[in-house]
Protein backbone atom coordinates (compact mmCIF):
# COMPACT_ATOMS: atom_id res chain seq x y z
CA UNK A 1 6.30 20.74 4.44
CA UNK A 2 3.80 18.26 3.09
CA UNK A 3 4.41 14.68 3.38
CA UNK A 4 2.47 11.61 1.79
CA UNK A 5 2.71 8.07 2.09
CA UNK A 6 2.26 5.39 -0.52
CA UNK A 7 -0.21 3.04 1.25
CA UNK A 8 0.41 -0.06 -0.81
CA UNK A 9 -0.30 -2.70 1.61
CA UNK A 10 -3.27 -0.73 3.10
CA UNK A 11 -4.80 0.15 -0.19
CA UNK A 12 -4.24 -3.41 -1.23
CA UNK A 13 -6.67 -4.31 1.45
CA UNK A 14 -9.09 -1.61 0.68
CA UNK A 15 -9.38 -2.66 -2.97
CA UNK A 16 -10.10 -6.35 -2.15
CA UNK A 17 -12.78 -5.48 0.52
CA UNK A 18 -14.66 -2.79 -1.48
CA UNK A 19 -16.37 -5.27 -4.05
CA UNK A 20 -17.04 -3.87 -7.41
CA UNK A 21 -19.53 -6.84 -7.54
CA UNK A 22 -21.74 -4.97 -5.00
CA UNK A 23 -23.17 -3.02 -8.01
CA UNK A 24 -25.16 -6.07 -8.70
CA UNK A 25 -27.08 -6.17 -5.36
CA UNK A 26 -27.13 -2.40 -4.64
CA UNK A 27 -30.96 -2.11 -5.27
CA UNK A 28 -31.81 -4.71 -2.53
CA UNK A 29 -28.73 -4.84 -0.22
CA UNK A 30 -29.58 -3.72 3.44
CA UNK A 31 -26.61 -2.42 5.46
CA UNK A 32 -28.62 -0.12 7.81
CA UNK A 33 -32.13 -0.46 9.02
CA UNK A 34 -32.25 3.46 8.78
CA UNK A 35 -33.40 3.63 4.98
CA UNK A 36 -31.75 7.23 4.51
CA UNK A 37 -28.47 5.88 6.01
CA UNK A 38 -28.67 2.85 3.76
CA UNK A 39 -29.16 4.94 0.66
CA UNK A 40 -26.21 7.21 1.49
CA UNK A 41 -24.03 4.21 2.11
CA UNK A 42 -24.87 2.47 -1.09
CA UNK A 43 -24.39 5.70 -3.19
CA UNK A 44 -20.86 6.09 -1.37
CA UNK A 45 -19.83 2.66 -2.16
CA UNK A 46 -20.42 3.62 -5.83
CA UNK A 47 -18.05 6.56 -5.47
CA UNK A 48 -15.51 4.53 -3.60
CA UNK A 49 -15.40 1.90 -6.14
CA UNK A 50 -14.02 4.56 -8.56
CA UNK A 51 -11.59 6.23 -6.35
CA UNK A 52 -8.48 4.22 -6.64
CA UNK A 53 -5.86 6.06 -8.88
CA UNK A 54 -3.90 2.97 -9.71
CA UNK A 55 -7.04 1.51 -11.51
CA UNK A 56 -8.25 4.77 -13.26
CA UNK A 57 -10.16 6.18 -10.31
CA UNK A 58 -9.95 9.77 -9.07
CA UNK A 59 -9.52 11.62 -5.72
CA UNK A 60 -12.61 13.54 -6.18
CA UNK A 61 -14.68 10.30 -6.25
CA UNK A 62 -13.10 9.45 -2.88
CA UNK A 63 -13.73 12.79 -1.33
CA UNK A 64 -17.35 12.47 -2.54
CA UNK A 65 -17.51 8.86 -1.01
CA UNK A 66 -16.28 10.32 2.29
CA UNK A 67 -18.92 13.13 2.24
CA UNK A 68 -21.66 10.51 1.56
CA UNK A 69 -20.35 8.07 4.40
CA UNK A 70 -20.50 11.00 6.71
CA UNK A 71 -24.05 11.62 5.81
CA UNK A 72 -24.84 7.95 6.40
CA UNK A 73 -23.28 8.13 9.85
CA UNK A 74 -25.09 11.11 10.81
CA UNK A 75 -28.30 9.44 9.86
CA UNK A 76 -27.30 6.29 11.83
CA UNK A 77 -24.53 6.94 14.27
CA UNK A 78 -24.12 3.21 15.15
CA UNK A 79 -23.54 2.26 11.58
CA UNK A 80 -20.24 0.54 12.10
CA UNK A 81 -19.60 -0.60 8.37
CA UNK A 82 -19.96 3.06 7.21
CA UNK A 83 -17.14 3.90 9.59
CA UNK A 84 -14.92 1.03 8.09
CA UNK A 85 -15.77 2.09 4.50
CA UNK A 86 -15.13 5.86 5.21
CA UNK A 87 -11.61 4.78 6.63
CA UNK A 88 -10.98 3.12 3.25
CA UNK A 89 -12.15 6.15 1.25
CA UNK A 90 -9.63 8.25 3.12
CA UNK A 91 -6.90 5.80 2.39
CA UNK A 92 -7.57 6.09 -1.34
CA UNK A 93 -6.50 9.77 -0.86
CA UNK A 94 -2.91 8.68 0.32
CA UNK A 95 -0.85 8.33 -2.85
CA UNK A 96 2.02 10.50 -3.93
CA UNK A 97 -0.19 11.78 -6.92
CA UNK A 98 -0.88 15.54 -7.43
CA UNK A 99 -3.91 16.42 -5.59
CA UNK A 100 -3.68 13.73 -2.80
CA UNK A 101 -4.30 14.29 0.87
CA UNK A 102 -1.25 14.99 3.30
CA UNK A 103 -0.71 12.39 5.98
CA UNK A 104 -1.91 15.00 8.57
CA UNK A 105 -5.28 15.13 6.66
CA UNK A 106 -5.88 11.58 5.86
CA UNK A 107 -4.49 9.41 8.61
CA UNK A 108 -6.20 10.91 11.80
CA UNK A 109 -9.66 10.35 10.35
CA UNK A 110 -8.78 6.78 9.40
CA UNK A 111 -7.73 5.98 13.05
CA UNK A 112 -10.86 7.67 14.43
CA UNK A 113 -13.26 5.84 12.16
CA UNK A 114 -11.80 2.35 12.81
CA UNK A 115 -11.88 2.82 16.40
CA UNK A 116 -15.39 3.93 16.45
CA UNK A 117 -16.25 0.79 14.04
CA UNK A 118 -14.76 -1.71 16.52
CA UNK A 119 -16.12 0.04 19.47
CA UNK A 120 -19.66 -0.30 17.81
CA UNK A 121 -19.04 -3.97 16.65
CA UNK A 122 -15.78 -5.66 17.70
CA UNK A 123 -16.79 -8.56 15.14
CA UNK A 124 -16.18 -6.62 11.95
CA UNK A 125 -13.25 -8.57 10.19
CA UNK A 126 -12.41 -5.68 8.05
CA UNK A 127 -12.01 -3.13 10.89
CA UNK A 128 -9.28 -5.32 12.48
CA UNK A 129 -7.74 -5.98 9.20
CA UNK A 130 -7.36 -2.33 8.38
CA UNK A 131 -6.19 -1.52 11.84
CA UNK A 132 -3.55 -4.21 11.38
CA UNK A 133 -2.48 -2.59 8.09
CA UNK A 134 -2.28 0.89 9.74
CA UNK A 135 -0.02 -0.62 12.74
CA UNK A 136 2.11 -2.36 9.98
CA UNK A 137 2.59 0.31 7.52
CA UNK A 138 2.50 3.50 9.45
CA UNK A 139 3.16 2.70 13.19
CA UNK A 140 5.78 0.11 12.82
CA UNK A 141 3.90 -1.50 15.71
CA UNK A 142 4.58 -5.18 14.72
CA UNK A 143 2.85 -7.01 17.85
CA UNK A 144 -0.43 -4.97 17.19
CA UNK A 145 -0.21 -5.75 13.52
CA UNK A 146 0.16 -9.35 14.18
CA UNK A 147 -2.59 -9.56 16.86
CA UNK A 148 -5.06 -7.51 14.57
CA UNK A 149 -4.32 -9.68 11.51
CA UNK A 150 -5.08 -12.77 13.57
CA UNK A 151 -8.11 -11.18 14.87
CA UNK A 152 -9.53 -10.35 11.54
CA UNK A 153 -8.62 -13.86 10.11
CA UNK A 154 -10.38 -15.63 13.22
CA UNK A 155 -13.46 -13.64 12.41
CA UNK A 156 -13.32 -14.31 8.54
CA UNK A 157 -10.86 -17.44 8.16
CA UNK A 158 -11.76 -17.79 4.56
CA UNK A 159 -10.67 -14.24 3.24
CA UNK A 160 -8.05 -15.05 0.78
CA UNK A 161 -6.95 -11.48 0.55
CA UNK A 162 -6.56 -11.09 4.27
CA UNK A 163 -4.36 -14.17 4.26
CA UNK A 164 -2.23 -12.65 1.39
CA UNK A 165 -1.78 -9.35 3.24
CA UNK A 166 -0.84 -11.16 6.39
CA UNK A 167 1.72 -13.01 4.34
CA UNK A 168 2.92 -9.73 3.15
CA UNK A 169 3.41 -8.65 6.68
CA UNK A 170 5.11 -12.00 7.74
CA UNK A 171 7.45 -11.51 4.77
CA UNK A 172 8.44 -8.04 5.93
CA UNK A 173 9.34 -9.43 9.35
CA UNK A 174 11.54 -12.04 7.69
CA UNK A 175 9.15 -14.86 8.71
CA UNK A 176 9.14 -16.48 5.57
CA UNK A 177 8.20 -20.25 6.31
CA UNK A 178 5.03 -18.57 8.06
CA UNK A 179 4.51 -16.25 4.89
CA UNK A 180 4.58 -18.91 2.60
CA UNK A 181 2.04 -21.10 4.61
CA UNK A 182 -0.32 -18.07 4.51
CA UNK A 183 0.50 -17.61 0.80
CA UNK A 184 -0.51 -21.07 0.08
CA UNK A 185 -3.81 -20.64 2.10
CA UNK A 186 -4.63 -17.27 0.19
CA UNK A 187 -3.89 -19.08 -3.23
CA UNK A 188 -6.14 -22.06 -2.20
CA UNK A 189 -9.14 -20.04 -1.20
CA UNK A 190 -9.31 -17.38 -3.96
CA UNK A 191 -7.02 -16.33 -6.59
CA UNK A 192 -7.31 -12.55 -7.22
CA UNK A 193 -5.32 -9.67 -8.50
CA UNK A 194 -4.80 -8.54 -5.03
CA UNK A 195 -3.64 -11.77 -3.44
CA UNK A 196 -1.35 -12.34 -6.51
CA UNK A 197 0.37 -8.91 -5.90
CA UNK A 198 0.62 -9.87 -2.08
CA UNK A 199 2.45 -12.89 -3.08
CA UNK A 200 4.63 -11.20 -5.63
CA UNK A 201 5.90 -8.96 -2.81
CA UNK A 202 6.97 -11.98 -0.44
CA UNK A 203 8.82 -13.78 -3.40
CA UNK A 204 10.36 -10.46 -4.25
CA UNK A 205 11.74 -10.21 -0.69
CA UNK A 206 12.95 -13.73 -0.82
CA UNK A 207 14.90 -13.06 -4.07
CA UNK A 208 12.65 -15.21 -6.12
CA UNK A 209 12.40 -12.97 -8.96
CA UNK A 210 11.01 -15.16 -11.39
CA UNK A 211 8.21 -16.34 -9.30
CA UNK A 212 7.52 -12.59 -8.08
CA UNK A 213 7.39 -11.57 -11.90
CA UNK A 214 4.86 -14.46 -12.53
CA UNK A 215 2.66 -13.44 -9.69
CA UNK A 216 2.62 -9.75 -10.83
CA UNK A 217 1.69 -10.76 -14.30
CA UNK A 218 -1.17 -13.00 -12.96
CA UNK A 219 -2.38 -9.89 -11.02
CA UNK A 220 -2.13 -7.65 -14.23
CA UNK A 221 -4.01 -10.19 -16.12
CA UNK A 222 -7.00 -9.81 -14.04
CA UNK A 223 -6.78 -6.13 -13.38
CA UNK A 224 -4.27 -3.58 -14.47
CA UNK A 225 -2.91 -1.65 -11.41
CA UNK A 226 -0.08 0.81 -11.57
CA UNK A 227 1.19 -0.42 -8.21
CA UNK A 228 1.56 -3.94 -9.52
CA UNK A 229 3.45 -2.37 -12.71
CA UNK A 230 5.68 -0.59 -10.37
CA UNK A 231 6.83 -3.73 -8.69
CA UNK A 232 7.07 -5.72 -11.79
CA UNK A 233 9.60 -3.20 -12.89
CA UNK A 234 11.42 -3.32 -9.80
CA UNK A 235 11.65 -7.01 -9.98
CA UNK A 236 12.82 -6.83 -13.44
CA UNK A 237 15.39 -4.36 -12.58
CA UNK A 238 16.72 -6.62 -9.72
CA UNK A 239 16.81 -9.55 -11.97
CA UNK A 240 18.82 -7.42 -14.41
CA UNK A 241 16.23 -7.57 -17.13
CA UNK A 242 16.26 -3.64 -17.69
CA UNK A 243 14.51 -4.02 -21.38
CA UNK A 244 11.55 -5.24 -19.50
CA UNK A 245 11.93 -3.06 -16.28
CA UNK A 246 12.10 0.31 -17.95
CA UNK A 247 8.92 0.04 -20.15
CA UNK A 248 7.07 -1.04 -17.01
CA UNK A 249 8.19 1.71 -14.71
CA UNK A 250 7.73 4.20 -17.52
CA UNK A 251 4.04 3.39 -17.54
CA UNK A 252 3.73 3.98 -13.85
CA UNK A 253 4.89 7.57 -14.13
CA UNK A 254 1.85 8.58 -16.50
CA UNK A 255 -0.02 9.77 -13.10
CA UNK A 256 2.89 11.92 -12.13
CA UNK A 257 3.32 9.75 -9.08
CA UNK A 258 6.59 10.64 -7.26
CA UNK A 259 7.60 7.21 -6.07
CA UNK A 260 7.10 5.74 -9.56
CA UNK A 261 9.25 8.68 -11.07
CA UNK A 262 12.03 7.62 -8.57
CA UNK A 263 11.56 4.12 -9.36
CA UNK A 264 12.22 4.94 -13.11
CA UNK A 265 15.35 6.77 -12.10
CA UNK A 266 16.44 3.85 -10.13
CA UNK A 267 16.13 1.61 -13.00
CA UNK A 268 18.16 4.14 -15.35
CA UNK A 269 20.93 4.39 -12.52
CA UNK A 270 21.10 0.43 -12.62
CA UNK A 271 21.82 0.51 -16.35
CA UNK A 272 24.62 2.93 -16.03
CA UNK A 273 22.83 6.14 -17.19
CA UNK A 274 23.85 8.23 -14.29
CA UNK A 275 23.40 11.59 -15.64
CA UNK A 276 19.75 10.73 -16.63
CA UNK A 277 19.13 9.43 -13.20
CA UNK A 278 20.58 12.27 -11.48
CA UNK A 279 18.56 14.60 -13.71
CA UNK A 280 15.40 12.79 -12.88
CA UNK A 281 16.33 13.32 -9.17
CA UNK A 282 16.57 17.13 -9.60
CA UNK A 283 13.22 17.11 -11.37
CA UNK A 284 11.64 15.25 -8.60
CA UNK A 285 13.06 17.34 -5.95
CA UNK A 286 11.58 20.32 -7.57
CA UNK A 287 8.22 18.97 -6.47
CA UNK A 288 9.27 18.72 -2.81
CA UNK A 289 6.82 21.04 -1.43
CA UNK A 290 3.78 19.32 -3.34
CA UNK A 291 4.71 16.11 -1.16
CA UNK A 292 5.40 13.85 -4.22
CA UNK A 293 8.86 12.88 -3.03
CA UNK A 294 8.99 9.37 -1.40
CA UNK A 295 12.12 9.30 0.62
CA UNK A 296 12.68 5.52 0.66
CA UNK A 297 12.61 5.42 -3.19
CA UNK A 298 15.11 8.22 -3.27
CA UNK A 299 17.48 6.27 -1.04
CA UNK A 300 17.42 3.36 -3.77
CA UNK A 301 18.31 5.78 -6.62
CA UNK A 302 21.39 6.90 -4.66
CA UNK A 303 22.28 3.17 -3.97
CA UNK A 304 22.17 2.48 -7.60
CA UNK A 305 24.40 5.34 -8.19
CA UNK A 306 26.88 4.00 -5.49
CA UNK A 307 26.36 7.06 -3.33
CA UNK A 308 25.99 5.11 -0.05
CA UNK A 309 26.67 8.08 2.38
CA UNK A 310 23.87 9.98 0.59
CA UNK A 311 21.53 7.09 0.29
CA UNK A 312 21.44 6.55 4.05
CA UNK A 313 20.14 9.93 4.76
CA UNK A 314 16.84 9.10 3.10
CA UNK A 315 15.80 5.88 5.12
CA UNK A 316 16.13 8.02 8.16
CA UNK A 317 13.77 10.74 6.77
CA UNK A 318 11.51 7.98 5.55
CA UNK A 319 11.33 6.70 9.03
CA UNK A 320 10.59 10.09 10.71
CA UNK A 321 7.80 10.84 8.03
CA UNK A 322 6.27 7.31 8.47
CA UNK A 323 6.41 6.13 5.03
CA UNK A 324 5.07 2.69 4.67
CA UNK A 325 8.05 1.61 2.23
CA UNK A 326 10.24 1.66 5.48
CA UNK A 327 8.41 -1.36 6.84
CA UNK A 328 10.25 -3.48 4.35
CA UNK A 329 13.62 -2.32 5.49
CA UNK A 330 14.73 -5.55 6.68
CA UNK A 331 14.04 -7.76 3.76
CA UNK A 332 14.10 -5.25 0.64
CA UNK A 333 17.03 -6.37 -1.87
CA UNK A 334 17.44 -2.72 -2.83
CA UNK A 335 18.66 -1.95 0.71
CA UNK A 336 21.25 -4.80 0.94
CA UNK A 337 24.38 -2.43 0.21
CA UNK A 338 23.46 -0.41 3.27
CA UNK A 339 23.01 -3.29 5.83
CA UNK A 340 26.50 -3.18 7.08
CA UNK A 341 26.24 0.54 7.89
CA UNK A 342 26.11 1.38 11.52
CA UNK A 343 23.62 4.15 10.72
CA UNK A 344 21.34 1.54 9.17
CA UNK A 345 21.75 -0.96 11.95
CA UNK A 346 20.68 1.88 14.38
CA UNK A 347 17.74 2.61 12.31
CA UNK A 348 16.74 -1.21 12.27
CA UNK A 349 17.07 -1.03 16.08
CA UNK A 350 14.70 1.95 16.25
CA UNK A 351 12.11 -0.09 14.19
CA UNK A 352 12.65 -3.14 16.28
CA UNK A 353 13.55 -5.22 13.14
CA UNK A 354 16.35 -7.71 12.91
């Protein structure tokens, strides 16, 4: 059976560090002293900038970027930055949209590329930051994530997006005072669509729904993004503003993303439209073999339907399949009804969360 992960936090980092502004300096920018490698790299960056499906990109662009990065590395085997960006390109294939790569296809080359990048040049901030994101979202290795975020920030202390992503990690850990300090640092350094989204997530976990919604709106004003819209819809749903939640979540289903579809079912269940929500689940399960079901999001739907016993089955599957959503288990408001369940507490222990 195929499984896919929604690499929200990982891809957030990817988007912030693949700069669309590179187009302005592409003709003269030198990344490698090997001219052929440099040419491949620059062309790959152009494809990578158009590969994120949340912002209108396509998986085919991501795959072409990977091919070109491989050619750049073949021409210059010591091209550390090409390894980093090739890892980014693989990560853009990790959504639960039709045509995405499976975990087993995408994650091993990501890990391999990052290891090689750090071995060649341990002073690349993004290599450490992406390693942190993998440890955080997929491995549930909190000490490694913390260490690698700190390493990346020590090398690039003025990276506002990195501070925002570290804030999201700290928020997931329930370390809210530290998260807010990183949030302030990120906001001071540079306001961007990515930093605003990371800050929205922290405030969502703190149940500051009005503030979280404002950050999402700020992010969307800078760049439309389906992931941000998805979270905005969840925030509205948690705040009981269903008239706003459902239109936002409806927009996110246009790319046939399985997690987004479950999010819309969740909102309908919260409004009392049980038959509609259950029908949407049945429709979603019909895509099971295509890898579009996101177990964690299904759990939220069952909780909204007040089926706690059934709901508890899904976080365990999410954990076994290494979905990135499960990293927020400790702080997610949607999971609050399960916190007293002994099975839930066992899962928290497995994940070394408290």
